[in-house]
């Protein structure tokens, strides 16, 4: 079990945890990693630089079998985008194009999370608002603390989220609740979020519980996880699978059945012992 009291290996950066710019704390241990958004002065609000840093860590570690993304401290998972920085980027206006560097960096990060070849677990302590909720929704599983809240108060700011994130929200909570969240700026408490399927597990320390879940997940067959995540992603994007989709994905199924890991799984089952999967 990976405790939150253990130190994280920090990302290579000149920024300190006390800097208002923050940093990503990256702790890789074997087949798993924990990434924490560490920006307490801004309740772990995301900037373009933080999005790029987190995405870079993920891109360089595709061999991992499970990843946890959380926020440092217990007040906020991520309170959203750094609106002050975005306003500076766009010379006073959050425009669709212009100089706003956050939106493309944020979308690239979420795409990397969705397409990452292993499960990514969101560990939500405290608020997950705006970009924070969108970040949590992009992850595969959400482990949350009792004080967690979820919301996208775009209507209070006069902004709109991207269509792909609306689609992900609908898939996560359903059309009626997505309408409530987006059109009335409703904030969901844990019980409400769990009732609509957004929350899978509740723990007093979400980061520690998510890290433990990641370790358990990493002991499963990685080829199975890779295949199923790719299939789930294709279904999520298209809503259904065409004959072409099924043909494209069939190789993942065939590969799993032809793998050394299948033989290991069968042998372990027969010998009544835990399997030791190699990912081959």
Protein backbone atom coordinates (compact mmCIF):
# COMPACT_ATOMS: atom_id res chain seq x y z
CA UNK A 1 0.00 0.00 0.00
CA UNK A 2 1.34 3.40 -0.92
CA UNK A 3 0.67 5.90 1.85
CA UNK A 4 0.28 9.60 1.27
CA UNK A 5 2.77 10.12 4.09
CA UNK A 6 5.53 8.69 1.91
CA UNK A 7 7.54 11.27 -0.06
CA UNK A 8 7.03 11.56 -3.80
CA UNK A 9 9.86 11.76 -6.28
CA UNK A 10 9.43 15.17 -7.79
CA UNK A 11 9.30 16.07 -11.43
CA UNK A 12 12.45 17.60 -12.85
CA UNK A 13 11.65 21.27 -12.47
CA UNK A 14 13.03 24.44 -10.94
CA UNK A 15 9.68 25.19 -9.37
CA UNK A 16 9.16 24.41 -5.70
CA UNK A 17 5.98 23.17 -4.05
CA UNK A 18 5.59 26.61 -2.49
CA UNK A 19 5.59 28.36 -5.85
CA UNK A 20 2.20 29.70 -6.98
CA UNK A 21 2.92 28.00 -10.32
CA UNK A 22 2.97 24.61 -8.60
CA UNK A 23 4.32 21.35 -9.95
CA UNK A 24 3.44 17.73 -10.60
CA UNK A 25 4.73 15.35 -7.92
CA UNK A 26 5.47 12.09 -9.74
CA UNK A 27 6.16 8.90 -7.77
CA UNK A 28 6.77 5.73 -9.77
CA UNK A 29 7.09 2.47 -7.90
CA UNK A 30 7.46 -0.62 -10.05
CA UNK A 31 4.42 -1.02 -12.29
CA UNK A 32 2.42 1.87 -10.77
CA UNK A 33 2.77 5.62 -10.34
CA UNK A 34 1.06 8.36 -8.35
CA UNK A 35 0.89 11.87 -9.84
CA UNK A 36 -0.21 14.72 -7.58
CA UNK A 37 -1.09 18.24 -8.68
CA UNK A 38 0.77 20.28 -6.08
CA UNK A 39 -0.42 23.87 -6.10
CA UNK A 40 -2.01 24.57 -2.71
CA UNK A 41 -2.00 28.36 -3.14
CA UNK A 42 -4.52 27.95 -5.99
CA UNK A 43 -6.34 24.84 -4.69
CA UNK A 44 -4.47 22.76 -7.27
CA UNK A 45 -5.81 24.78 -10.20
CA UNK A 46 -4.36 23.69 -13.53
CA UNK A 47 -2.23 25.81 -15.81
CA UNK A 48 -1.07 24.97 -19.32
CA UNK A 49 2.39 24.19 -17.93
CA UNK A 50 1.01 21.74 -15.36
CA UNK A 51 -1.11 20.05 -18.04
CA UNK A 52 1.98 19.67 -20.22
CA UNK A 53 4.06 18.35 -17.31
CA UNK A 54 1.51 15.69 -16.38
CA UNK A 55 0.99 14.67 -19.99
CA UNK A 56 4.75 14.33 -20.50
CA UNK A 57 5.04 12.02 -17.49
CA UNK A 58 2.28 9.82 -18.87
CA UNK A 59 3.71 9.75 -22.39
CA UNK A 60 7.08 8.62 -21.04
CA UNK A 61 5.61 5.80 -18.95
CA UNK A 62 3.35 3.77 -21.23
CA UNK A 63 4.79 0.60 -19.69
CA UNK A 64 2.99 1.30 -16.41
CA UNK A 65 0.10 -0.97 -15.44
CA UNK A 66 -1.86 1.58 -13.38
CA UNK A 67 -1.62 5.29 -12.56
CA UNK A 68 -3.23 7.44 -9.87
CA UNK A 69 -3.90 11.14 -10.45
CA UNK A 70 -4.73 13.22 -7.38
CA UNK A 71 -4.32 16.59 -5.76
CA UNK A 72 -1.91 17.40 -2.96
CA UNK A 73 -3.60 18.01 0.38
CA UNK A 74 -7.18 17.31 1.38
CA UNK A 75 -8.94 20.53 0.31
CA UNK A 76 -9.07 20.12 -3.45
CA UNK A 77 -8.41 17.53 -6.13
CA UNK A 78 -8.38 20.35 -8.67
CA UNK A 79 -10.38 23.57 -8.39
CA UNK A 80 -10.37 24.07 -12.17
CA UNK A 81 -8.30 26.12 -14.57
CA UNK A 82 -6.15 29.03 -13.47
CA UNK A 83 -8.52 31.74 -14.66
CA UNK A 84 -6.18 34.59 -13.77
CA UNK A 85 -3.41 33.07 -15.90
CA UNK A 86 -5.81 32.40 -18.76
CA UNK A 87 -7.04 35.98 -18.71
CA UNK A 88 -3.44 37.17 -18.95
CA UNK A 89 -2.81 34.80 -21.86
CA UNK A 90 -5.74 36.19 -23.81
CA UNK A 91 -5.13 39.85 -22.95
CA UNK A 92 -8.25 40.04 -20.83
CA UNK A 93 -10.58 37.69 -22.70
CA UNK A 94 -10.99 33.92 -22.78
CA UNK A 95 -11.31 33.56 -26.54
CA UNK A 96 -11.75 30.44 -28.64
CA UNK A 97 -8.37 30.96 -30.27
CA UNK A 98 -6.13 33.89 -29.59
CA UNK A 99 -3.40 33.45 -27.04
CA UNK A 100 -5.20 31.06 -24.70
CA UNK A 101 -2.65 28.29 -24.17
CA UNK A 102 -4.65 26.39 -21.55
CA UNK A 103 -7.40 24.87 -23.67
CA UNK A 104 -5.18 22.99 -26.15
CA UNK A 105 -2.84 21.85 -23.35
CA UNK A 106 -5.80 20.64 -21.28
CA UNK A 107 -7.39 18.79 -24.20
CA UNK A 108 -4.08 17.09 -25.04
CA UNK A 109 -3.78 15.96 -21.41
CA UNK A 110 -7.29 14.50 -21.34
CA UNK A 111 -6.75 12.74 -24.67
CA UNK A 112 -3.57 11.17 -23.26
CA UNK A 113 -5.47 9.98 -20.17
CA UNK A 114 -8.28 8.50 -22.25
CA UNK A 115 -5.86 6.79 -24.67
CA UNK A 116 -3.32 5.70 -22.04
CA UNK A 117 -2.83 1.93 -22.38
CA UNK A 118 -3.41 1.18 -18.68
CA UNK A 119 -6.09 2.13 -16.13
CA UNK A 120 -5.88 5.63 -14.66
CA UNK A 121 -7.54 6.19 -11.29
CA UNK A 122 -8.65 9.62 -10.08
CA UNK A 123 -8.13 10.11 -6.34
CA UNK A 124 -10.47 12.94 -5.38
CA UNK A 125 -9.91 14.62 -2.02
CA UNK A 126 -12.03 17.77 -1.79
CA UNK A 127 -13.27 19.85 -4.69
CA UNK A 128 -13.24 18.71 -8.33
CA UNK A 129 -14.64 21.74 -10.12
CA UNK A 130 -14.61 22.89 -13.72
CA UNK A 131 -11.50 21.47 -15.35
CA UNK A 132 -11.06 19.39 -12.19
CA UNK A 133 -14.33 17.54 -12.76
CA UNK A 134 -13.49 17.11 -16.44
CA UNK A 135 -10.11 15.65 -15.44
CA UNK A 136 -11.76 13.20 -13.04
CA UNK A 137 -14.34 12.19 -15.66
CA UNK A 138 -11.58 11.40 -18.18
CA UNK A 139 -10.06 8.87 -15.78
CA UNK A 140 -11.19 5.24 -15.76
CA UNK A 141 -12.11 4.90 -12.07
CA UNK A 142 -12.80 7.47 -9.37
CA UNK A 143 -11.92 6.92 -5.70
CA UNK A 144 -13.13 9.83 -3.58
CA UNK A 145 -13.02 11.12 -0.04
CA UNK A 146 -16.26 11.90 1.84
CA UNK A 147 -15.64 15.64 1.38
CA UNK A 148 -15.40 15.43 -2.42
CA UNK A 149 -17.62 17.62 -4.58
CA UNK A 150 -18.08 17.74 -8.35
CA UNK A 151 -19.30 20.56 -10.54
CA UNK A 152 -18.74 22.58 -13.71
CA UNK A 153 -19.76 26.19 -12.94
CA UNK A 154 -19.16 27.38 -16.50
CA UNK A 155 -22.39 29.35 -16.52
CA UNK A 156 -21.19 31.44 -13.58
CA UNK A 157 -18.15 32.53 -15.58
CA UNK A 158 -19.57 32.85 -19.07
CA UNK A 159 -17.44 30.09 -20.59
CA UNK A 160 -18.29 26.80 -22.29
CA UNK A 161 -16.50 23.47 -22.11
CA UNK A 162 -15.56 21.52 -25.22
CA UNK A 163 -17.98 19.20 -26.99
CA UNK A 164 -15.81 16.16 -26.32
CA UNK A 165 -15.92 16.87 -22.59
CA UNK A 166 -19.70 17.24 -22.75
CA UNK A 167 -19.77 13.81 -24.40
CA UNK A 168 -17.56 12.33 -21.67
CA UNK A 169 -19.74 13.88 -18.98
CA UNK A 170 -22.91 12.42 -20.51
CA UNK A 171 -21.28 8.99 -20.67
CA UNK A 172 -20.19 9.27 -17.03
CA UNK A 173 -23.40 10.56 -15.39
CA UNK A 174 -26.14 10.26 -18.01
CA UNK A 175 -27.93 12.89 -20.06
CA UNK A 176 -30.32 14.20 -17.34
CA UNK A 177 -27.61 14.77 -14.73
CA UNK A 178 -25.22 16.21 -17.33
CA UNK A 179 -27.90 18.76 -18.22
CA UNK A 180 -28.36 19.62 -14.54
CA UNK A 181 -24.61 20.04 -13.97
CA UNK A 182 -24.01 22.16 -17.08
CA UNK A 183 -27.21 24.19 -17.27
CA UNK A 184 -27.80 24.96 -13.58
CA UNK A 185 -24.19 24.81 -12.30
CA UNK A 186 -25.24 22.10 -9.86
CA UNK A 187 -22.53 20.83 -7.53
CA UNK A 188 -22.73 17.14 -6.61
CA UNK A 189 -21.87 15.76 -3.19
CA UNK A 190 -20.44 12.25 -2.88
CA UNK A 191 -23.77 10.47 -2.38
CA UNK A 192 -25.28 12.16 -5.45
CA UNK A 193 -22.20 11.45 -7.56
CA UNK A 194 -22.17 7.83 -6.49
CA UNK A 195 -25.87 7.40 -7.24
CA UNK A 196 -25.36 8.36 -10.89
CA UNK A 197 -22.25 6.19 -11.30
CA UNK A 198 -19.58 8.89 -11.30
CA UNK A 199 -18.00 7.61 -8.08
CA UNK A 200 -16.93 3.97 -7.77
CA UNK A 201 -15.30 3.92 -4.32
CA UNK A 202 -15.30 6.12 -1.21
CA UNK A 203 -12.40 6.20 1.27
CA UNK A 204 -11.28 8.57 4.01
CA UNK A 205 -7.93 9.00 2.26
CA UNK A 206 -8.66 8.82 -1.45
CA UNK A 207 -5.03 8.97 -2.57
CA UNK A 208 -3.91 6.11 -0.32
CA UNK A 209 -6.94 4.01 -1.29
CA UNK A 210 -6.42 4.72 -4.98
CA UNK A 211 -2.74 3.79 -4.71
CA UNK A 212 -3.70 0.50 -3.09
CA UNK A 213 -6.24 -0.13 -5.86
CA UNK A 214 -3.55 0.65 -8.44
CA UNK A 215 -1.26 -1.96 -6.90
CA UNK A 216 -4.06 -4.52 -7.03
CA UNK A 217 -4.86 -3.60 -10.62
CA UNK A 218 -1.20 -3.87 -11.62
CA UNK A 219 -1.23 -7.53 -10.60
CA UNK A 220 -3.84 -8.28 -13.27
CA UNK A 221 -2.94 -9.19 -16.85
CA UNK A 222 -1.80 -5.97 -18.60
CA UNK A 223 -2.78 -7.22 -22.06
CA UNK A 224 -6.34 -7.71 -20.84
CA UNK A 225 -6.44 -4.18 -19.45
CA UNK A 226 -4.95 -2.73 -22.64
CA UNK A 227 -7.47 -4.57 -24.84
CA UNK A 228 -10.50 -3.72 -22.74
CA UNK A 229 -9.55 -0.06 -22.35
CA UNK A 230 -9.12 0.27 -26.12
CA UNK A 231 -12.49 -1.39 -26.70
CA UNK A 232 -14.23 0.76 -24.10
CA UNK A 233 -12.70 3.86 -25.64
CA UNK A 234 -13.89 2.95 -29.12
CA UNK A 235 -17.43 2.31 -27.85
CA UNK A 236 -17.39 5.61 -25.93
CA UNK A 237 -16.35 7.57 -29.01
CA UNK A 238 -18.72 6.00 -31.51
CA UNK A 239 -21.61 4.78 -29.36
CA UNK A 240 -21.59 1.41 -31.13
CA UNK A 241 -19.14 -0.79 -32.97
CA UNK A 242 -19.27 -1.15 -36.73
CA UNK A 243 -17.97 -4.22 -38.53
CA UNK A 244 -14.80 -2.25 -39.25
CA UNK A 245 -14.41 -1.37 -35.57
CA UNK A 246 -14.79 -5.01 -34.59
CA UNK A 247 -12.19 -6.04 -37.14
CA UNK A 248 -9.78 -3.36 -35.90
CA UNK A 249 -10.16 -4.48 -32.28
CA UNK A 250 -10.14 -8.22 -32.93
CA UNK A 251 -6.35 -8.25 -32.92
CA UNK A 252 -6.32 -7.23 -29.26
CA UNK A 253 -8.58 -10.14 -28.34
CA UNK A 254 -6.55 -12.58 -30.44
CA UNK A 255 -3.32 -11.25 -28.96
CA UNK A 256 -4.53 -11.85 -25.42
CA UNK A 257 -5.58 -15.42 -26.21
CA UNK A 258 -2.20 -16.09 -27.85
CA UNK A 259 -0.16 -14.56 -25.01
CA UNK A 260 2.21 -16.09 -22.51
CA UNK A 261 0.07 -14.42 -19.87
CA UNK A 262 -2.90 -16.63 -20.74
CA UNK A 263 -0.76 -19.71 -20.14
CA UNK A 264 0.45 -18.20 -16.87
CA UNK A 265 -3.12 -17.41 -15.81
CA UNK A 266 -4.30 -20.95 -16.56
CA UNK A 267 -1.31 -22.46 -14.76
CA UNK A 268 -1.84 -20.25 -11.72
CA UNK A 269 -5.52 -21.17 -11.61
CA UNK A 270 -4.68 -24.88 -11.80
CA UNK A 271 -1.93 -24.60 -9.18
CA UNK A 272 -4.06 -22.41 -6.88
CA UNK A 273 -1.49 -19.60 -6.70
CA UNK A 274 -1.45 -15.92 -7.67
CA UNK A 275 -0.45 -15.37 -11.31
CA UNK A 276 2.72 -13.49 -12.21
CA UNK A 277 1.89 -11.73 -15.48
CA UNK A 278 4.65 -10.43 -17.75
CA UNK A 279 2.62 -8.45 -20.28
CA UNK A 280 3.67 -10.79 -23.10
